[in-house]
């Protein structure tokens, strides 16, 4: 469920708690189509499908993580020091151009959140892949493996003798 559905979620129809008690089926049918507002005294309550609420919560949670990660990335681009204890301290292993590429990838995916149900998963995947790359870059074992001399033996052309 994209966020565009919620742009005017509570601006149109108000339903009283009394109406909800008298016609629960009709009100629930409306809530299946779009969120509705139930009013009681001076209080307002949102009634929406659970999947829609979960999508909104995921969006809020993921937005916080994206903003924090981008904040660290921009700080590193400005030459600020970020400690390794920071949740996004792993970004320190990248060069400025790489960090700029990460910023571009994440912001492009973030722009999709209002039109695509899979945008948050895409953002998760992008950050995960960059994190895995940071682990690989900072691994001394992997660096040693890449820089090790190989004992390659050139392949010889197979002979046709003895072929069946």
C-alpha atoms as a PDB file:
ATOM      1  CA  UNK A   1       0.000   0.000   0.000  1.00  0.00           C
ATOM      2  CA  UNK A   2       1.663   3.204  -1.101  1.00  0.00           C
ATOM      3  CA  UNK A   3       1.622   6.389   0.944  1.00  0.00           C
ATOM      4  CA  UNK A   4      -0.296   8.310  -1.738  1.00  0.00           C
ATOM      5  CA  UNK A   5      -3.437   6.535  -0.555  1.00  0.00           C
ATOM      6  CA  UNK A   6      -3.004   8.209   2.818  1.00  0.00           C
ATOM      7  CA  UNK A   7      -2.430  11.747   1.571  1.00  0.00           C
ATOM      8  CA  UNK A   8      -6.011  12.742   2.405  1.00  0.00           C
ATOM      9  CA  UNK A   9      -6.798   9.804   4.651  1.00  0.00           C
ATOM     10  CA  UNK A  10      -8.734  11.656   7.323  1.00  0.00           C
ATOM     11  CA  UNK A  11      -9.917  14.776   5.557  1.00  0.00           C
ATOM     12  CA  UNK A  12     -13.317  13.696   4.316  1.00  0.00           C
ATOM     13  CA  UNK A  13     -15.708  11.500   6.318  1.00  0.00           C
ATOM     14  CA  UNK A  14     -16.153  11.522  10.075  1.00  0.00           C
ATOM     15  CA  UNK A  15     -18.175   8.743  11.658  1.00  0.00           C
ATOM     16  CA  UNK A  16     -19.499   8.918  15.186  1.00  0.00           C
ATOM     17  CA  UNK A  17     -19.029   6.108  17.655  1.00  0.00           C
ATOM     18  CA  UNK A  18     -22.822   5.792  17.743  1.00  0.00           C
ATOM     19  CA  UNK A  19     -22.891   5.195  13.970  1.00  0.00           C
ATOM     20  CA  UNK A  20     -20.191   2.565  14.397  1.00  0.00           C
ATOM     21  CA  UNK A  21     -22.283   0.807  17.046  1.00  0.00           C
ATOM     22  CA  UNK A  22     -25.430   0.903  14.889  1.00  0.00           C
ATOM     23  CA  UNK A  23     -23.892  -0.027  11.545  1.00  0.00           C
ATOM     24  CA  UNK A  24     -20.593  -1.822  12.161  1.00  0.00           C
ATOM     25  CA  UNK A  25     -20.698  -3.784   8.893  1.00  0.00           C
ATOM     26  CA  UNK A  26     -21.166  -0.696   6.720  1.00  0.00           C
ATOM     27  CA  UNK A  27     -18.416   1.194   8.561  1.00  0.00           C
ATOM     28  CA  UNK A  28     -16.009  -1.749   8.290  1.00  0.00           C
ATOM     29  CA  UNK A  29     -16.764  -1.970   4.560  1.00  0.00           C
ATOM     30  CA  UNK A  30     -15.784   1.705   4.235  1.00  0.00           C
ATOM     31  CA  UNK A  31     -12.611   1.072   6.239  1.00  0.00           C
ATOM     32  CA  UNK A  32     -11.679  -1.695   3.789  1.00  0.00           C
ATOM     33  CA  UNK A  33     -11.634   0.881   0.997  1.00  0.00           C
ATOM     34  CA  UNK A  34      -9.842   3.693   2.845  1.00  0.00           C
ATOM     35  CA  UNK A  35      -9.147   4.805   6.404  1.00  0.00           C
ATOM     36  CA  UNK A  36     -12.039   6.461   8.238  1.00  0.00           C
ATOM     37  CA  UNK A  37     -12.165   8.570  11.378  1.00  0.00           C
ATOM     38  CA  UNK A  38     -14.380   7.564  14.279  1.00  0.00           C
ATOM     39  CA  UNK A  39     -15.219  10.393  16.668  1.00  0.00           C
ATOM     40  CA  UNK A  40     -16.330  10.135  20.266  1.00  0.00           C
ATOM     41  CA  UNK A  41     -16.660  13.252  22.392  1.00  0.00           C
ATOM     42  CA  UNK A  42     -13.426  15.175  21.785  1.00  0.00           C
ATOM     43  CA  UNK A  43     -11.474  12.127  20.609  1.00  0.00           C
ATOM     44  CA  UNK A  44     -10.737  10.807  17.142  1.00  0.00           C
ATOM     45  CA  UNK A  45      -9.753   7.269  16.210  1.00  0.00           C
ATOM     46  CA  UNK A  46      -8.360   5.887  12.972  1.00  0.00           C
ATOM     47  CA  UNK A  47      -9.999   2.802  11.558  1.00  0.00           C
ATOM     48  CA  UNK A  48      -8.080   1.128   8.768  1.00  0.00           C
ATOM     49  CA  UNK A  49      -6.982  -2.263   7.528  1.00  0.00           C
ATOM     50  CA  UNK A  50      -4.187  -3.811   9.570  1.00  0.00           C
ATOM     51  CA  UNK A  51      -1.970  -4.136   6.476  1.00  0.00           C
ATOM     52  CA  UNK A  52      -2.294  -0.400   5.862  1.00  0.00           C
ATOM     53  CA  UNK A  53      -1.350   0.405   9.448  1.00  0.00           C
ATOM     54  CA  UNK A  54       1.619  -1.965   9.242  1.00  0.00           C
ATOM     55  CA  UNK A  55       2.769  -0.259   6.042  1.00  0.00           C
ATOM     56  CA  UNK A  56       2.625   3.142   7.724  1.00  0.00           C
ATOM     57  CA  UNK A  57       4.575   1.915  10.751  1.00  0.00           C
ATOM     58  CA  UNK A  58       7.193   0.327   8.491  1.00  0.00           C
ATOM     59  CA  UNK A  59       7.456   3.588   6.562  1.00  0.00           C
ATOM     60  CA  UNK A  60       8.047   5.594   9.718  1.00  0.00           C
ATOM     61  CA  UNK A  61      10.594   3.123  11.060  1.00  0.00           C
ATOM     62  CA  UNK A  62      12.440   2.838   7.765  1.00  0.00           C
ATOM     63  CA  UNK A  63      12.396   6.603   7.203  1.00  0.00           C
ATOM     64  CA  UNK A  64      14.215   7.107  10.493  1.00  0.00           C
ATOM     65  CA  UNK A  65      16.878   4.580   9.467  1.00  0.00           C
ATOM     66  CA  UNK A  66      17.264   6.119   6.001  1.00  0.00           C
ATOM     67  CA  UNK A  67      17.632   9.616   7.416  1.00  0.00           C
ATOM     68  CA  UNK A  68      20.213   8.436   9.963  1.00  0.00           C
ATOM     69  CA  UNK A  69      22.196   6.555   7.314  1.00  0.00           C
ATOM     70  CA  UNK A  70      22.096   9.518   4.901  1.00  0.00           C
ATOM     71  CA  UNK A  71      23.124  11.869   7.709  1.00  0.00           C
ATOM     72  CA  UNK A  72      26.214   9.754   8.366  1.00  0.00           C
ATOM     73  CA  UNK A  73      26.968   9.529   4.640  1.00  0.00           C
ATOM     74  CA  UNK A  74      26.743  13.310   4.198  1.00  0.00           C
ATOM     75  CA  UNK A  75      28.850  13.850   7.326  1.00  0.00           C
ATOM     76  CA  UNK A  76      31.559  11.596   5.939  1.00  0.00           C
ATOM     77  CA  UNK A  77      31.430  13.448   2.609  1.00  0.00           C
ATOM     78  CA  UNK A  78      32.051  16.670   4.570  1.00  0.00           C
ATOM     79  CA  UNK A  79      35.095  15.112   6.222  1.00  0.00           C
ATOM     80  CA  UNK A  80      33.594  14.590   9.665  1.00  0.00           C
ATOM     81  CA  UNK A  81      34.724  11.678  11.798  1.00  0.00           C
ATOM     82  CA  UNK A  82      32.221   8.921  12.562  1.00  0.00           C
ATOM     83  CA  UNK A  83      33.093   6.375  15.214  1.00  0.00           C
ATOM     84  CA  UNK A  84      33.054   2.668  14.514  1.00  0.00           C
ATOM     85  CA  UNK A  85      30.525   2.228  17.340  1.00  0.00           C
ATOM     86  CA  UNK A  86      27.915   4.181  15.370  1.00  0.00           C
ATOM     87  CA  UNK A  87      25.313   1.897  13.719  1.00  0.00           C
ATOM     88  CA  UNK A  88      26.395   3.282  10.342  1.00  0.00           C
ATOM     89  CA  UNK A  89      30.078   3.588  11.204  1.00  0.00           C
ATOM     90  CA  UNK A  90      30.757   0.939   8.585  1.00  0.00           C
ATOM     91  CA  UNK A  91      30.316   3.656   5.941  1.00  0.00           C
ATOM     92  CA  UNK A  92      33.802   4.942   6.874  1.00  0.00           C
ATOM     93  CA  UNK A  93      35.468   2.306   4.674  1.00  0.00           C
ATOM     94  CA  UNK A  94      34.128   3.844   1.467  1.00  0.00           C
ATOM     95  CA  UNK A  95      35.685   6.545  -0.665  1.00  0.00           C
ATOM     96  CA  UNK A  96      33.762   9.796  -1.212  1.00  0.00           C
ATOM     97  CA  UNK A  97      32.650   8.767  -4.712  1.00  0.00           C
ATOM     98  CA  UNK A  98      31.305   5.475  -3.392  1.00  0.00           C
ATOM     99  CA  UNK A  99      29.400   7.258  -0.635  1.00  0.00           C
ATOM    100  CA  UNK A 100      27.919   9.567  -3.260  1.00  0.00           C
ATOM    101  CA  UNK A 101      26.768   6.493  -5.211  1.00  0.00           C
ATOM    102  CA  UNK A 102      25.159   5.071  -2.057  1.00  0.00           C
ATOM    103  CA  UNK A 103      23.370   8.361  -1.400  1.00  0.00           C
ATOM    104  CA  UNK A 104      22.063   8.379  -4.961  1.00  0.00           C
ATOM    105  CA  UNK A 105      20.845   4.769  -4.821  1.00  0.00           C
ATOM    106  CA  UNK A 106      19.049   5.217  -1.504  1.00  0.00           C
ATOM    107  CA  UNK A 107      17.421   8.533  -2.402  1.00  0.00           C
ATOM    108  CA  UNK A 108      16.207   7.182  -5.749  1.00  0.00           C
ATOM    109  CA  UNK A 109      14.674   4.173  -3.995  1.00  0.00           C
ATOM    110  CA  UNK A 110      13.187   6.433  -1.312  1.00  0.00           C
ATOM    111  CA  UNK A 111      11.394   8.442  -4.004  1.00  0.00           C
ATOM    112  CA  UNK A 112       9.581   5.243  -4.972  1.00  0.00           C
ATOM    113  CA  UNK A 113       7.958   4.842  -1.552  1.00  0.00           C
ATOM    114  CA  UNK A 114       4.862   6.770  -2.556  1.00  0.00           C
ATOM    115  CA  UNK A 115       4.276   4.711  -5.705  1.00  0.00           C
ATOM    116  CA  UNK A 116       5.632   1.230  -4.985  1.00  0.00           C
ATOM    117  CA  UNK A 117       4.751  -1.303  -2.324  1.00  0.00           C
ATOM    118  CA  UNK A 118       8.241  -2.828  -2.638  1.00  0.00           C
ATOM    119  CA  UNK A 119      10.260   0.360  -2.178  1.00  0.00           C
ATOM    120  CA  UNK A 120      11.031  -0.290   1.497  1.00  0.00           C
ATOM    121  CA  UNK A 121      12.294  -3.774   0.653  1.00  0.00           C
ATOM    122  CA  UNK A 122      14.452  -2.266  -2.094  1.00  0.00           C
ATOM    123  CA  UNK A 123      15.916   0.228   0.377  1.00  0.00           C
ATOM    124  CA  UNK A 124      16.608  -2.594   2.846  1.00  0.00           C
ATOM    125  CA  UNK A 125      18.372  -4.552   0.103  1.00  0.00           C
ATOM    126  CA  UNK A 126      20.484  -1.580  -0.998  1.00  0.00           C
ATOM    127  CA  UNK A 127      21.660  -0.829   2.536  1.00  0.00           C
ATOM    128  CA  UNK A 128      22.282  -4.519   3.214  1.00  0.00           C
ATOM    129  CA  UNK A 129      24.415  -4.912   0.079  1.00  0.00           C
ATOM    130  CA  UNK A 130      26.469  -1.813   0.897  1.00  0.00           C
ATOM    131  CA  UNK A 131      26.942  -3.067   4.458  1.00  0.00           C
ATOM    132  CA  UNK A 132      28.105  -6.458   3.166  1.00  0.00           C
ATOM    133  CA  UNK A 133      30.538  -4.679   0.838  1.00  0.00           C
ATOM    134  CA  UNK A 134      31.886  -2.672   3.772  1.00  0.00           C
ATOM    135  CA  UNK A 135      32.471  -5.893   5.709  1.00  0.00           C
ATOM    136  CA  UNK A 136      34.300  -7.386   2.734  1.00  0.00           C
ATOM    137  CA  UNK A 137      36.422  -4.263   2.233  1.00  0.00           C
ATOM    138  CA  UNK A 138      37.450  -4.138   5.873  1.00  0.00           C
ATOM    139  CA  UNK A 139      38.184  -7.859   6.166  1.00  0.00           C
ATOM    140  CA  UNK A 140      41.931  -8.520   6.454  1.00  0.00           C
ATOM    141  CA  UNK A 141      41.403 -12.147   5.419  1.00  0.00           C
ATOM    142  CA  UNK A 142      39.623 -11.137   2.250  1.00  0.00           C
ATOM    143  CA  UNK A 143      42.240  -8.491   1.467  1.00  0.00           C
ATOM    144  CA  UNK A 144      44.971 -11.103   1.914  1.00  0.00           C
ATOM    145  CA  UNK A 145      43.142 -13.527  -0.354  1.00  0.00           C
ATOM    146  CA  UNK A 146      42.820 -10.934  -3.110  1.00  0.00           C
ATOM    147  CA  UNK A 147      46.452  -9.854  -2.880  1.00  0.00           C
ATOM    148  CA  UNK A 148      47.915 -13.354  -2.570  1.00  0.00           C
ATOM    149  CA  UNK A 149      50.079 -14.666  -5.354  1.00  0.00           C
ATOM    150  CA  UNK A 150      48.473 -17.548  -7.090  1.00  0.00           C
ATOM    151  CA  UNK A 151      50.197 -20.687  -8.179  1.00  0.00           C
ATOM    152  CA  UNK A 152      48.355 -20.878 -11.428  1.00  0.00           C
ATOM    153  CA  UNK A 153      49.174 -23.618 -13.830  1.00  0.00           C
ATOM    154  CA  UNK A 154      48.364 -22.852 -17.422  1.00  0.00           C
ATOM    155  CA  UNK A 155      45.947 -25.233 -19.022  1.00  0.00           C
ATOM    156  CA  UNK A 156      47.230 -27.327 -21.837  1.00  0.00           C
ATOM    157  CA  UNK A 157      45.275 -28.160 -24.892  1.00  0.00           C
ATOM    158  CA  UNK A 158      43.666 -31.561 -24.472  1.00  0.00           C
ATOM    159  CA  UNK A 159      45.059 -34.185 -26.727  1.00  0.00           C
ATOM    160  CA  UNK A 160      42.897 -36.115 -29.079  1.00  0.00           C
ATOM    161  CA  UNK A 161      44.802 -39.333 -28.377  1.00  0.00           C
ATOM    162  CA  UNK A 162      42.788 -41.836 -26.474  1.00  0.00           C
ATOM    163  CA  UNK A 163      39.517 -40.064 -27.052  1.00  0.00           C
ATOM    164  CA  UNK A 164      36.546 -42.353 -27.374  1.00  0.00           C
END
